[in-house]
mmCIF file of all heavy atoms, coordinates in Angstrom:
data_MODEL
# 
_entry.id   MODEL 
# 
loop_
_atom_site.group_PDB 
_atom_site.id 
_atom_site.type_symbol 
_atom_site.label_atom_id 
_atom_site.label_alt_id 
_atom_site.label_comp_id 
_atom_site.label_asym_id 
_atom_site.label_entity_id 
_atom_site.label_seq_id 
_atom_site.pdbx_PDB_ins_code 
_atom_site.Cartn_x 
_atom_site.Cartn_y 
_atom_site.Cartn_z 
_atom_site.occupancy 
_atom_site.B_iso_or_equiv 
_atom_site.pdbx_formal_charge 
_atom_site.auth_seq_id 
_atom_site.auth_comp_id 
_atom_site.auth_asym_id 
_atom_site.auth_atom_id 
_atom_site.pdbx_PDB_model_num 
ATOM 1   N N   . THR A 1 1  ? -84.610 70.795 -164.249 1.00 0.00 ? 1  THR A N   1 
ATOM 2   C CA  . THR A 1 1  ? -85.226 71.486 -163.107 1.00 0.00 ? 1  THR A CA  1 
ATOM 3   C C   . THR A 1 1  ? -86.483 70.794 -162.606 1.00 0.00 ? 1  THR A C   1 
ATOM 4   O O   . THR A 1 1  ? -86.700 70.734 -161.395 1.00 0.00 ? 1  THR A O   1 
ATOM 5   C CB  . THR A 1 1  ? -85.524 72.937 -163.491 1.00 0.00 ? 1  THR A CB  1 
ATOM 6   O OG1 . THR A 1 1  ? -84.306 73.565 -163.911 1.00 0.00 ? 1  THR A OG1 1 
ATOM 7   C CG2 . THR A 1 1  ? -86.077 73.702 -162.309 1.00 0.00 ? 1  THR A CG2 1 
ATOM 8   N N   . PRO A 1 2  ? -87.387 70.271 -163.474 1.00 0.00 ? 2  PRO A N   1 
ATOM 9   C CA  . PRO A 1 2  ? -88.530 69.530 -162.918 1.00 0.00 ? 2  PRO A CA  1 
ATOM 10  C C   . PRO A 1 2  ? -88.121 68.339 -162.059 1.00 0.00 ? 2  PRO A C   1 
ATOM 11  O O   . PRO A 1 2  ? -88.769 68.053 -161.049 1.00 0.00 ? 2  PRO A O   1 
ATOM 12  C CB  . PRO A 1 2  ? -89.295 69.064 -164.169 1.00 0.00 ? 2  PRO A CB  1 
ATOM 13  C CG  . PRO A 1 2  ? -88.927 70.056 -165.219 1.00 0.00 ? 2  PRO A CG  1 
ATOM 14  C CD  . PRO A 1 2  ? -87.518 70.424 -164.926 1.00 0.00 ? 2  PRO A CD  1 
ATOM 15  N N   . VAL A 1 3  ? -87.037 67.677 -162.430 1.00 0.00 ? 3  VAL A N   1 
ATOM 16  C CA  . VAL A 1 3  ? -86.536 66.567 -161.612 1.00 0.00 ? 3  VAL A CA  1 
ATOM 17  C C   . VAL A 1 3  ? -86.035 67.093 -160.270 1.00 0.00 ? 3  VAL A C   1 
ATOM 18  O O   . VAL A 1 3  ? -86.298 66.494 -159.217 1.00 0.00 ? 3  VAL A O   1 
ATOM 19  C CB  . VAL A 1 3  ? -85.411 65.822 -162.353 1.00 0.00 ? 3  VAL A CB  1 
ATOM 20  C CG1 . VAL A 1 3  ? -84.777 64.765 -161.470 1.00 0.00 ? 3  VAL A CG1 1 
ATOM 21  C CG2 . VAL A 1 3  ? -85.956 65.201 -163.619 1.00 0.00 ? 3  VAL A CG2 1 
ATOM 22  N N   . SER A 1 4  ? -85.330 68.226 -160.291 1.00 0.00 ? 4  SER A N   1 
ATOM 23  C CA  . SER A 1 4  ? -84.856 68.821 -159.038 1.00 0.00 ? 4  SER A CA  1 
ATOM 24  C C   . SER A 1 4  ? -86.024 69.178 -158.131 1.00 0.00 ? 4  SER A C   1 
ATOM 25  O O   . SER A 1 4  ? -85.965 69.002 -156.912 1.00 0.00 ? 4  SER A O   1 
ATOM 26  C CB  . SER A 1 4  ? -84.013 70.057 -159.330 1.00 0.00 ? 4  SER A CB  1 
ATOM 27  O OG  . SER A 1 4  ? -82.927 69.750 -160.174 1.00 0.00 ? 4  SER A OG  1 
ATOM 28  N N   . ALA A 1 5  ? -87.098 69.711 -158.723 1.00 0.00 ? 5  ALA A N   1 
ATOM 29  C CA  . ALA A 1 5  ? -88.279 70.068 -157.926 1.00 0.00 ? 5  ALA A CA  1 
ATOM 30  C C   . ALA A 1 5  ? -88.892 68.854 -157.259 1.00 0.00 ? 5  ALA A C   1 
ATOM 31  O O   . ALA A 1 5  ? -89.404 68.935 -156.139 1.00 0.00 ? 5  ALA A O   1 
ATOM 32  C CB  . ALA A 1 5  ? -89.321 70.762 -158.832 1.00 0.00 ? 5  ALA A CB  1 
ATOM 33  N N   . LEU A 1 6  ? -88.836 67.716 -157.933 1.00 0.00 ? 6  LEU A N   1 
ATOM 34  C CA  . LEU A 1 6  ? -89.428 66.496 -157.376 1.00 0.00 ? 6  LEU A CA  1 
ATOM 35  C C   . LEU A 1 6  ? -88.478 65.806 -156.402 1.00 0.00 ? 6  LEU A C   1 
ATOM 36  O O   . LEU A 1 6  ? -88.879 65.417 -155.299 1.00 0.00 ? 6  LEU A O   1 
ATOM 37  C CB  . LEU A 1 6  ? -89.798 65.539 -158.514 1.00 0.00 ? 6  LEU A CB  1 
ATOM 38  C CG  . LEU A 1 6  ? -90.549 64.273 -158.146 1.00 0.00 ? 6  LEU A CG  1 
ATOM 39  C CD1 . LEU A 1 6  ? -91.885 64.599 -157.492 1.00 0.00 ? 6  LEU A CD1 1 
ATOM 40  C CD2 . LEU A 1 6  ? -90.769 63.408 -159.383 1.00 0.00 ? 6  LEU A CD2 1 
ATOM 41  N N   . VAL A 1 7  ? -87.205 65.687 -156.798 1.00 0.00 ? 7  VAL A N   1 
ATOM 42  C CA  . VAL A 1 7  ? -86.230 64.951 -155.989 1.00 0.00 ? 7  VAL A CA  1 
ATOM 43  C C   . VAL A 1 7  ? -85.957 65.668 -154.661 1.00 0.00 ? 7  VAL A C   1 
ATOM 44  O O   . VAL A 1 7  ? -85.878 65.064 -153.607 1.00 0.00 ? 7  VAL A O   1 
ATOM 45  C CB  . VAL A 1 7  ? -84.936 64.752 -156.775 1.00 0.00 ? 7  VAL A CB  1 
ATOM 46  C CG1 . VAL A 1 7  ? -83.809 64.281 -155.866 1.00 0.00 ? 7  VAL A CG1 1 
ATOM 47  C CG2 . VAL A 1 7  ? -85.155 63.761 -157.892 1.00 0.00 ? 7  VAL A CG2 1 
ATOM 48  N N   . HIS A 1 8  ? -85.833 67.004 -154.702 1.00 0.00 ? 8  HIS A N   1 
ATOM 49  C CA  . HIS A 1 8  ? -85.405 67.766 -153.527 1.00 0.00 ? 8  HIS A CA  1 
ATOM 50  C C   . HIS A 1 8  ? -86.552 68.320 -152.716 1.00 0.00 ? 8  HIS A C   1 
ATOM 51  O O   . HIS A 1 8  ? -86.337 69.149 -151.838 1.00 0.00 ? 8  HIS A O   1 
ATOM 52  C CB  . HIS A 1 8  ? -84.491 68.912 -153.959 1.00 0.00 ? 8  HIS A CB  1 
ATOM 53  C CG  . HIS A 1 8  ? -83.176 68.444 -154.491 1.00 0.00 ? 8  HIS A CG  1 
ATOM 54  N ND1 . HIS A 1 8  ? -83.032 67.973 -155.768 1.00 0.00 ? 8  HIS A ND1 1 
ATOM 55  C CD2 . HIS A 1 8  ? -81.954 68.339 -153.910 1.00 0.00 ? 8  HIS A CD2 1 
ATOM 56  C CE1 . HIS A 1 8  ? -81.769 67.619 -155.952 1.00 0.00 ? 8  HIS A CE1 1 
ATOM 57  N NE2 . HIS A 1 8  ? -81.098 67.832 -154.846 1.00 0.00 ? 8  HIS A NE2 1 
ATOM 58  N N   . SER A 1 9  ? -87.755 67.884 -152.991 1.00 0.00 ? 9  SER A N   1 
ATOM 59  C CA  . SER A 1 9  ? -88.871 68.365 -152.190 1.00 0.00 ? 9  SER A CA  1 
ATOM 60  C C   . SER A 1 9  ? -89.511 67.229 -151.390 1.00 0.00 ? 9  SER A C   1 
ATOM 61  O O   . SER A 1 9  ? -89.652 67.330 -150.164 1.00 0.00 ? 9  SER A O   1 
ATOM 62  C CB  . SER A 1 9  ? -89.918 69.032 -153.095 1.00 0.00 ? 9  SER A CB  1 
ATOM 63  O OG  . SER A 1 9  ? -90.444 68.111 -154.037 1.00 0.00 ? 9  SER A OG  1 
ATOM 64  N N   . SER A 1 10 ? -89.909 66.158 -152.062 1.00 0.00 ? 10 SER A N   1 
ATOM 65  C CA  . SER A 1 10 ? -90.727 65.174 -151.356 1.00 0.00 ? 10 SER A CA  1 
ATOM 66  C C   . SER A 1 10 ? -90.362 63.722 -151.640 1.00 0.00 ? 10 SER A C   1 
ATOM 67  O O   . SER A 1 10 ? -91.054 62.829 -151.148 1.00 0.00 ? 10 SER A O   1 
ATOM 68  C CB  . SER A 1 10 ? -92.209 65.366 -151.761 1.00 0.00 ? 10 SER A CB  1 
ATOM 69  O OG  . SER A 1 10 ? -92.360 65.199 -153.160 1.00 0.00 ? 10 SER A OG  1 
ATOM 70  N N   . THR A 1 11 ? -89.339 63.447 -152.401 1.00 0.00 ? 11 THR A N   1 
ATOM 71  C CA  . THR A 1 11 ? -89.102 62.051 -152.769 1.00 0.00 ? 11 THR A CA  1 
ATOM 72  C C   . THR A 1 11 ? -87.757 61.539 -152.254 1.00 0.00 ? 11 THR A C   1 
ATOM 73  O O   . THR A 1 11 ? -87.673 61.065 -151.122 1.00 0.00 ? 11 THR A O   1 
ATOM 74  C CB  . THR A 1 11 ? -89.177 61.874 -154.300 1.00 0.00 ? 11 THR A CB  1 
ATOM 75  O OG1 . THR A 1 11 ? -88.353 62.855 -154.929 1.00 0.00 ? 11 THR A OG1 1 
ATOM 76  C CG2 . THR A 1 11 ? -90.598 62.081 -154.796 1.00 0.00 ? 11 THR A CG2 1 
ATOM 77  N N   . LEU A 1 12 ? -86.719 61.638 -153.058 1.00 0.00 ? 12 LEU A N   1 
ATOM 78  C CA  . LEU A 1 12 ? -85.453 60.951 -152.748 1.00 0.00 ? 12 LEU A CA  1 
ATOM 79  C C   . LEU A 1 12 ? -84.857 61.411 -151.429 1.00 0.00 ? 12 LEU A C   1 
ATOM 80  O O   . LEU A 1 12 ? -84.505 60.589 -150.575 1.00 0.00 ? 12 LEU A O   1 
ATOM 81  C CB  . LEU A 1 12 ? -84.475 61.179 -153.894 1.00 0.00 ? 12 LEU A CB  1 
ATOM 82  C CG  . LEU A 1 12 ? -83.092 60.532 -153.734 1.00 0.00 ? 12 LEU A CG  1 
ATOM 83  C CD1 . LEU A 1 12 ? -83.221 59.018 -153.766 1.00 0.00 ? 12 LEU A CD1 1 
ATOM 84  C CD2 . LEU A 1 12 ? -82.154 60.991 -154.833 1.00 0.00 ? 12 LEU A CD2 1 
ATOM 85  N N   . VAL A 1 13 ? -84.718 62.712 -151.218 1.00 0.00 ? 13 VAL A N   1 
ATOM 86  C CA  . VAL A 1 13 ? -84.001 63.213 -150.045 1.00 0.00 ? 13 VAL A CA  1 
ATOM 87  C C   . VAL A 1 13 ? -84.801 62.993 -148.754 1.00 0.00 ? 13 VAL A C   1 
ATOM 88  O O   . VAL A 1 13 ? -84.222 62.970 -147.674 1.00 0.00 ? 13 VAL A O   1 
ATOM 89  C CB  . VAL A 1 13 ? -83.658 64.694 -150.199 1.00 0.00 ? 13 VAL A CB  1 
ATOM 90  C CG1 . VAL A 1 13 ? -82.680 64.897 -151.348 1.00 0.00 ? 13 VAL A CG1 1 
ATOM 91  C CG2 . VAL A 1 13 ? -84.896 65.544 -150.431 1.00 0.00 ? 13 VAL A CG2 1 
ATOM 92  N N   . THR A 1 14 ? -86.112 62.861 -148.863 1.00 0.00 ? 14 THR A N   1 
ATOM 93  C CA  . THR A 1 14 ? -86.921 62.652 -147.665 1.00 0.00 ? 14 THR A CA  1 
ATOM 94  C C   . THR A 1 14 ? -87.097 61.178 -147.331 1.00 0.00 ? 14 THR A C   1 
ATOM 95  O O   . THR A 1 14 ? -87.727 60.857 -146.316 1.00 0.00 ? 14 THR A O   1 
ATOM 96  C CB  . THR A 1 14 ? -88.306 63.298 -147.852 1.00 0.00 ? 14 THR A CB  1 
ATOM 97  O OG1 . THR A 1 14 ? -88.962 62.747 -148.993 1.00 0.00 ? 14 THR A OG1 1 
ATOM 98  C CG2 . THR A 1 14 ? -88.174 64.798 -148.034 1.00 0.00 ? 14 THR A CG2 1 
ATOM 99  N N   . ALA A 1 15 ? -86.561 60.281 -148.166 1.00 0.00 ? 15 ALA A N   1 
ATOM 100 C CA  . ALA A 1 15 ? -86.735 58.859 -147.910 1.00 0.00 ? 15 ALA A CA  1 
ATOM 101 C C   . ALA A 1 15 ? -86.060 58.457 -146.598 1.00 0.00 ? 15 ALA A C   1 
ATOM 102 O O   . ALA A 1 15 ? -86.591 57.647 -145.833 1.00 0.00 ? 15 ALA A O   1 
ATOM 103 C CB  . ALA A 1 15 ? -86.167 58.043 -149.073 1.00 0.00 ? 15 ALA A CB  1 
ATOM 104 N N   . GLY A 1 16 ? -84.863 59.017 -146.344 1.00 0.00 ? 16 GLY A N   1 
ATOM 105 C CA  . GLY A 1 16 ? -84.178 58.692 -145.096 1.00 0.00 ? 16 GLY A CA  1 
ATOM 106 C C   . GLY A 1 16 ? -84.910 59.203 -143.878 1.00 0.00 ? 16 GLY A C   1 
ATOM 107 O O   . GLY A 1 16 ? -84.998 58.498 -142.850 1.00 0.00 ? 16 GLY A O   1 
ATOM 108 N N   . VAL A 1 17 ? -85.470 60.399 -143.966 1.00 0.00 ? 17 VAL A N   1 
ATOM 109 C CA  . VAL A 1 17 ? -86.240 60.945 -142.846 1.00 0.00 ? 17 VAL A CA  1 
ATOM 110 C C   . VAL A 1 17 ? -87.476 60.092 -142.594 1.00 0.00 ? 17 VAL A C   1 
ATOM 111 O O   . VAL A 1 17 ? -87.810 59.765 -141.448 1.00 0.00 ? 17 VAL A O   1 
ATOM 112 C CB  . VAL A 1 17 ? -86.649 62.405 -143.151 1.00 0.00 ? 17 VAL A CB  1 
ATOM 113 C CG1 . VAL A 1 17 ? -87.471 62.966 -142.004 1.00 0.00 ? 17 VAL A CG1 1 
ATOM 114 C CG2 . VAL A 1 17 ? -85.411 63.267 -143.383 1.00 0.00 ? 17 VAL A CG2 1 
ATOM 115 N N   . TYR A 1 18 ? -88.149 59.700 -143.667 1.00 0.00 ? 18 TYR A N   1 
ATOM 116 C CA  . TYR A 1 18 ? -89.356 58.885 -143.506 1.00 0.00 ? 18 TYR A CA  1 
ATOM 117 C C   . TYR A 1 18 ? -89.018 57.510 -142.922 1.00 0.00 ? 18 TYR A C   1 
ATOM 118 O O   . TYR A 1 18 ? -89.799 56.961 -142.130 1.00 0.00 ? 18 TYR A O   1 
ATOM 119 C CB  . TYR A 1 18 ? -90.046 58.728 -144.857 1.00 0.00 ? 18 TYR A CB  1 
ATOM 120 C CG  . TYR A 1 18 ? -91.373 58.010 -144.781 1.00 0.00 ? 18 TYR A CG  1 
ATOM 121 C CD1 . TYR A 1 18 ? -92.507 58.638 -144.318 1.00 0.00 ? 18 TYR A CD1 1 
ATOM 122 C CD2 . TYR A 1 18 ? -91.463 56.674 -145.162 1.00 0.00 ? 18 TYR A CD2 1 
ATOM 123 C CE1 . TYR A 1 18 ? -93.719 57.970 -144.241 1.00 0.00 ? 18 TYR A CE1 1 
ATOM 124 C CE2 . TYR A 1 18 ? -92.665 55.997 -145.084 1.00 0.00 ? 18 TYR A CE2 1 
ATOM 125 C CZ  . TYR A 1 18 ? -93.787 56.650 -144.627 1.00 0.00 ? 18 TYR A CZ  1 
ATOM 126 O OH  . TYR A 1 18 ? -94.983 55.976 -144.550 1.00 0.00 ? 18 TYR A OH  1 
ATOM 127 N N   . LEU A 1 19 ? -87.881 56.942 -143.309 1.00 0.00 ? 19 LEU A N   1 
ATOM 128 C CA  . LEU A 1 19 ? -87.461 55.653 -142.744 1.00 0.00 ? 19 LEU A CA  1 
ATOM 129 C C   . LEU A 1 19 ? -87.303 55.760 -141.245 1.00 0.00 ? 19 LEU A C   1 
ATOM 130 O O   . LEU A 1 19 ? -87.751 54.882 -140.482 1.00 0.00 ? 19 LEU A O   1 
ATOM 131 C CB  . LEU A 1 19 ? -86.158 55.194 -143.401 1.00 0.00 ? 19 LEU A CB  1 
ATOM 132 C CG  . LEU A 1 19 ? -85.524 53.931 -142.837 1.00 0.00 ? 19 LEU A CG  1 
ATOM 133 C CD1 . LEU A 1 19 ? -86.421 52.727 -143.063 1.00 0.00 ? 19 LEU A CD1 1 
ATOM 134 C CD2 . LEU A 1 19 ? -84.142 53.695 -143.460 1.00 0.00 ? 19 LEU A CD2 1 
ATOM 135 N N   . MET A 1 20 ? -86.688 56.845 -140.749 1.00 0.00 ? 20 MET A N   1 
ATOM 136 C CA  . MET A 1 20 ? -86.496 57.008 -139.323 1.00 0.00 ? 20 MET A CA  1 
ATOM 137 C C   . MET A 1 20 ? -87.811 57.326 -138.618 1.00 0.00 ? 20 MET A C   1 
ATOM 138 O O   . MET A 1 20 ? -87.995 56.980 -137.452 1.00 0.00 ? 20 MET A O   1 
ATOM 139 C CB  . MET A 1 20 ? -85.484 58.120 -139.055 1.00 0.00 ? 20 MET A CB  1 
ATOM 140 C CG  . MET A 1 20 ? -84.094 57.830 -139.592 1.00 0.00 ? 20 MET A CG  1 
ATOM 141 S SD  . MET A 1 20 ? -83.519 56.172 -139.192 1.00 0.00 ? 20 MET A SD  1 
ATOM 142 C CE  . MET A 1 20 ? -83.631 56.177 -137.408 1.00 0.00 ? 20 MET A CE  1 
ATOM 143 N N   . ILE A 1 21 ? -88.743 57.992 -139.306 1.00 0.00 ? 21 ILE A N   1 
ATOM 144 C CA  . ILE A 1 21 ? -90.058 58.225 -138.705 1.00 0.00 ? 21 ILE A CA  1 
ATOM 145 C C   . ILE A 1 21 ? -90.776 56.902 -138.481 1.00 0.00 ? 21 ILE A C   1 
ATOM 146 O O   . ILE A 1 21 ? -91.442 56.711 -137.464 1.00 0.00 ? 21 ILE A O   1 
ATOM 147 C CB  . ILE A 1 21 ? -90.877 59.166 -139.605 1.00 0.00 ? 21 ILE A CB  1 
ATOM 148 C CG1 . ILE A 1 21 ? -90.302 60.584 -139.569 1.00 0.00 ? 21 ILE A CG1 1 
ATOM 149 C CG2 . ILE A 1 21 ? -92.344 59.197 -139.189 1.00 0.00 ? 21 ILE A CG2 1 
ATOM 150 C CD1 . ILE A 1 21 ? -90.933 61.547 -140.546 1.00 0.00 ? 21 ILE A CD1 1 
ATOM 151 N N   . ARG A 1 22 ? -90.632 55.986 -139.422 1.00 0.00 ? 22 ARG A N   1 
ATOM 152 C CA  . ARG A 1 22 ? -91.258 54.674 -139.276 1.00 0.00 ? 22 ARG A CA  1 
ATOM 153 C C   . ARG A 1 22 ? -90.644 53.857 -138.137 1.00 0.00 ? 22 ARG A C   1 
ATOM 154 O O   . ARG A 1 22 ? -91.291 52.975 -137.591 1.00 0.00 ? 22 ARG A O   1 
ATOM 155 C CB  . ARG A 1 22 ? -91.143 53.886 -140.579 1.00 0.00 ? 22 ARG A CB  1 
ATOM 156 C CG  . ARG A 1 22 ? -92.189 54.259 -141.615 1.00 0.00 ? 22 ARG A CG  1 
ATOM 157 C CD  . ARG A 1 22 ? -93.578 54.031 -141.070 1.00 0.00 ? 22 ARG A CD  1 
ATOM 158 N NE  . ARG A 1 22 ? -94.614 54.177 -142.075 1.00 0.00 ? 22 ARG A NE  1 
ATOM 159 C CZ  . ARG A 1 22 ? -95.913 54.116 -141.805 1.00 0.00 ? 22 ARG A CZ  1 
ATOM 160 N NH1 . ARG A 1 22 ? -96.328 53.921 -140.553 1.00 0.00 ? 22 ARG A NH1 1 
ATOM 161 N NH2 . ARG A 1 22 ? -96.797 54.262 -142.753 1.00 0.00 ? 22 ARG A NH2 1 
ATOM 162 N N   . PHE A 1 23 ? -89.406 54.157 -137.765 1.00 0.00 ? 23 PHE A N   1 
ATOM 163 C CA  . PHE A 1 23 ? -88.780 53.521 -136.622 1.00 0.00 ? 23 PHE A CA  1 
ATOM 164 C C   . PHE A 1 23 ? -89.045 54.315 -135.350 1.00 0.00 ? 23 PHE A C   1 
ATOM 165 O O   . PHE A 1 23 ? -88.285 54.233 -134.391 1.00 0.00 ? 23 PHE A O   1 
ATOM 166 C CB  . PHE A 1 23 ? -87.258 53.399 -136.833 1.00 0.00 ? 23 PHE A CB  1 
ATOM 167 C CG  . PHE A 1 23 ? -86.854 52.157 -137.554 1.00 0.00 ? 23 PHE A CG  1 
ATOM 168 C CD1 . PHE A 1 23 ? -86.568 52.194 -138.906 1.00 0.00 ? 23 PHE A CD1 1 
ATOM 169 C CD2 . PHE A 1 23 ? -86.759 50.957 -136.893 1.00 0.00 ? 23 PHE A CD2 1 
ATOM 170 C CE1 . PHE A 1 23 ? -86.184 51.062 -139.579 1.00 0.00 ? 23 PHE A CE1 1 
ATOM 171 C CE2 . PHE A 1 23 ? -86.376 49.811 -137.556 1.00 0.00 ? 23 PHE A CE2 1 
ATOM 172 C CZ  . PHE A 1 23 ? -86.085 49.856 -138.911 1.00 0.00 ? 23 PHE A CZ  1 
ATOM 173 N N   . GLY A 1 24 ? -90.097 55.109 -135.342 1.00 0.00 ? 24 GLY A N   1 
ATOM 174 C CA  . GLY A 1 24 ? -90.433 55.939 -134.180 1.00 0.00 ? 24 GLY A CA  1 
ATOM 175 C C   . GLY A 1 24 ? -90.605 55.103 -132.913 1.00 0.00 ? 24 GLY A C   1 
ATOM 176 O O   . GLY A 1 24 ? -91.181 54.007 -132.931 1.00 0.00 ? 24 GLY A O   1 
ATOM 177 N N   . GLY A 1 25 ? -90.121 55.623 -131.812 1.00 0.00 ? 25 GLY A N   1 
ATOM 178 C CA  . GLY A 1 25 ? -90.194 54.900 -130.553 1.00 0.00 ? 25 GLY A CA  1 
ATOM 179 C C   . GLY A 1 25 ? -88.899 54.224 -130.180 1.00 0.00 ? 25 GLY A C   1 
ATOM 180 O O   . GLY A 1 25 ? -88.707 53.831 -129.025 1.00 0.00 ? 25 GLY A O   1 
ATOM 181 N N   . MET A 1 26 ? -87.989 54.071 -131.153 1.00 0.00 ? 26 MET A N   1 
ATOM 182 C CA  . MET A 1 26 ? -86.701 53.436 -130.858 1.00 0.00 ? 26 MET A CA  1 
ATOM 183 C C   . MET A 1 26 ? -85.788 54.346 -130.042 1.00 0.00 ? 26 MET A C   1 
ATOM 184 O O   . MET A 1 26 ? -84.744 53.923 -129.578 1.00 0.00 ? 26 MET A O   1 
ATOM 185 C CB  . MET A 1 26 ? -85.998 53.061 -132.166 1.00 0.00 ? 26 MET A CB  1 
ATOM 186 C CG  . MET A 1 26 ? -86.694 51.967 -132.955 1.00 0.00 ? 26 MET A CG  1 
ATOM 187 S SD  . MET A 1 26 ? -86.685 50.393 -132.088 1.00 0.00 ? 26 MET A SD  1 
ATOM 188 C CE  . MET A 1 26 ? -84.952 49.986 -132.220 1.00 0.00 ? 26 MET A CE  1 
ATOM 189 N N   . TYR A 1 27 ? -86.172 55.601 -129.909 1.00 0.00 ? 27 TYR A N   1 
ATOM 190 C CA  . TYR A 1 27 ? -85.384 56.557 -129.136 1.00 0.00 ? 27 TYR A CA  1 
ATOM 191 C C   . TYR A 1 27 ? -85.197 56.080 -127.692 1.00 0.00 ? 27 TYR A C   1 
ATOM 192 O O   . TYR A 1 27 ? -84.172 56.314 -127.076 1.00 0.00 ? 27 TYR A O   1 
ATOM 193 C CB  . TYR A 1 27 ? -86.092 57.911 -129.159 1.00 0.00 ? 27 TYR A CB  1 
ATOM 194 C CG  . TYR A 1 27 ? -85.400 58.979 -128.355 1.00 0.00 ? 27 TYR A CG  1 
ATOM 195 C CD1 . TYR A 1 27 ? -84.343 59.687 -128.909 1.00 0.00 ? 27 TYR A CD1 1 
ATOM 196 C CD2 . TYR A 1 27 ? -85.803 59.284 -127.056 1.00 0.00 ? 27 TYR A CD2 1 
ATOM 197 C CE1 . TYR A 1 27 ? -83.678 60.661 -128.172 1.00 0.00 ? 27 TYR A CE1 1 
ATOM 198 C CE2 . TYR A 1 27 ? -85.165 60.260 -126.330 1.00 0.00 ? 27 TYR A CE2 1 
ATOM 199 C CZ  . TYR A 1 27 ? -84.109 60.953 -126.876 1.00 0.00 ? 27 TYR A CZ  1 
ATOM 200 O OH  . TYR A 1 27 ? -83.470 61.909 -126.153 1.00 0.00 ? 27 TYR A OH  1 
ATOM 201 N N   . LEU A 1 28 ? -86.206 55.386 -127.164 1.00 0.00 ? 28 LEU A N   1 
ATOM 202 C CA  . LEU A 1 28 ? -86.144 54.929 -125.778 1.00 0.00 ? 28 LEU A CA  1 
ATOM 203 C C   . LEU A 1 28 ? -85.145 53.795 -125.613 1.00 0.00 ? 28 LEU A C   1 
ATOM 204 O O   . LEU A 1 28 ? -84.602 53.592 -124.522 1.00 0.00 ? 28 LEU A O   1 
ATOM 205 C CB  . LEU A 1 28 ? -87.535 54.463 -125.331 1.00 0.00 ? 28 LEU A CB  1 
ATOM 206 C CG  . LEU A 1 28 ? -88.644 55.530 -125.383 1.00 0.00 ? 28 LEU A CG  1 
ATOM 207 C CD1 . LEU A 1 28 ? -89.978 54.910 -125.026 1.00 0.00 ? 28 LEU A CD1 1 
ATOM 208 C CD2 . LEU A 1 28 ? -88.313 56.672 -124.434 1.00 0.00 ? 28 LEU A CD2 1 
ATOM 209 N N   . PHE A 1 29 ? -84.869 53.036 -126.689 1.00 0.00 ? 29 PHE A N   1 
ATOM 210 C CA  . PHE A 1 29 ? -83.980 51.895 -126.600 1.00 0.00 ? 29 PHE A CA  1 
ATOM 211 C C   . PHE A 1 29 ? -82.523 52.253 -126.955 1.00 0.00 ? 29 PHE A C   1 
ATOM 212 O O   . PHE A 1 29 ? -81.600 51.685 -126.395 1.00 0.00 ? 29 PHE A O   1 
ATOM 213 C CB  . PHE A 1 29 ? -84.456 50.766 -127.536 1.00 0.00 ? 29 PHE A CB  1 
ATOM 214 C CG  . PHE A 1 29 ? -85.841 50.266 -127.209 1.00 0.00 ? 29 PHE A CG  1 
ATOM 215 C CD1 . PHE A 1 29 ? -86.940 50.754 -127.872 1.00 0.00 ? 29 PHE A CD1 1 
ATOM 216 C CD2 . PHE A 1 29 ? -86.029 49.318 -126.221 1.00 0.00 ? 29 PHE A CD2 1 
ATOM 217 C CE1 . PHE A 1 29 ? -88.207 50.298 -127.580 1.00 0.00 ? 29 PHE A CE1 1 
ATOM 218 C CE2 . PHE A 1 29 ? -87.293 48.856 -125.908 1.00 0.00 ? 29 PHE A CE2 1 
ATOM 219 C CZ  . PHE A 1 29 ? -88.389 49.353 -126.589 1.00 0.00 ? 29 PHE A CZ  1 
# 
């Protein structure tokens, strides 16, 4: 459960969202 609390809150699952945030501005292209 401690791993689930870490993985499913701010680390592994949010990596994809953060990657797309870093590509911000590409929406126009």
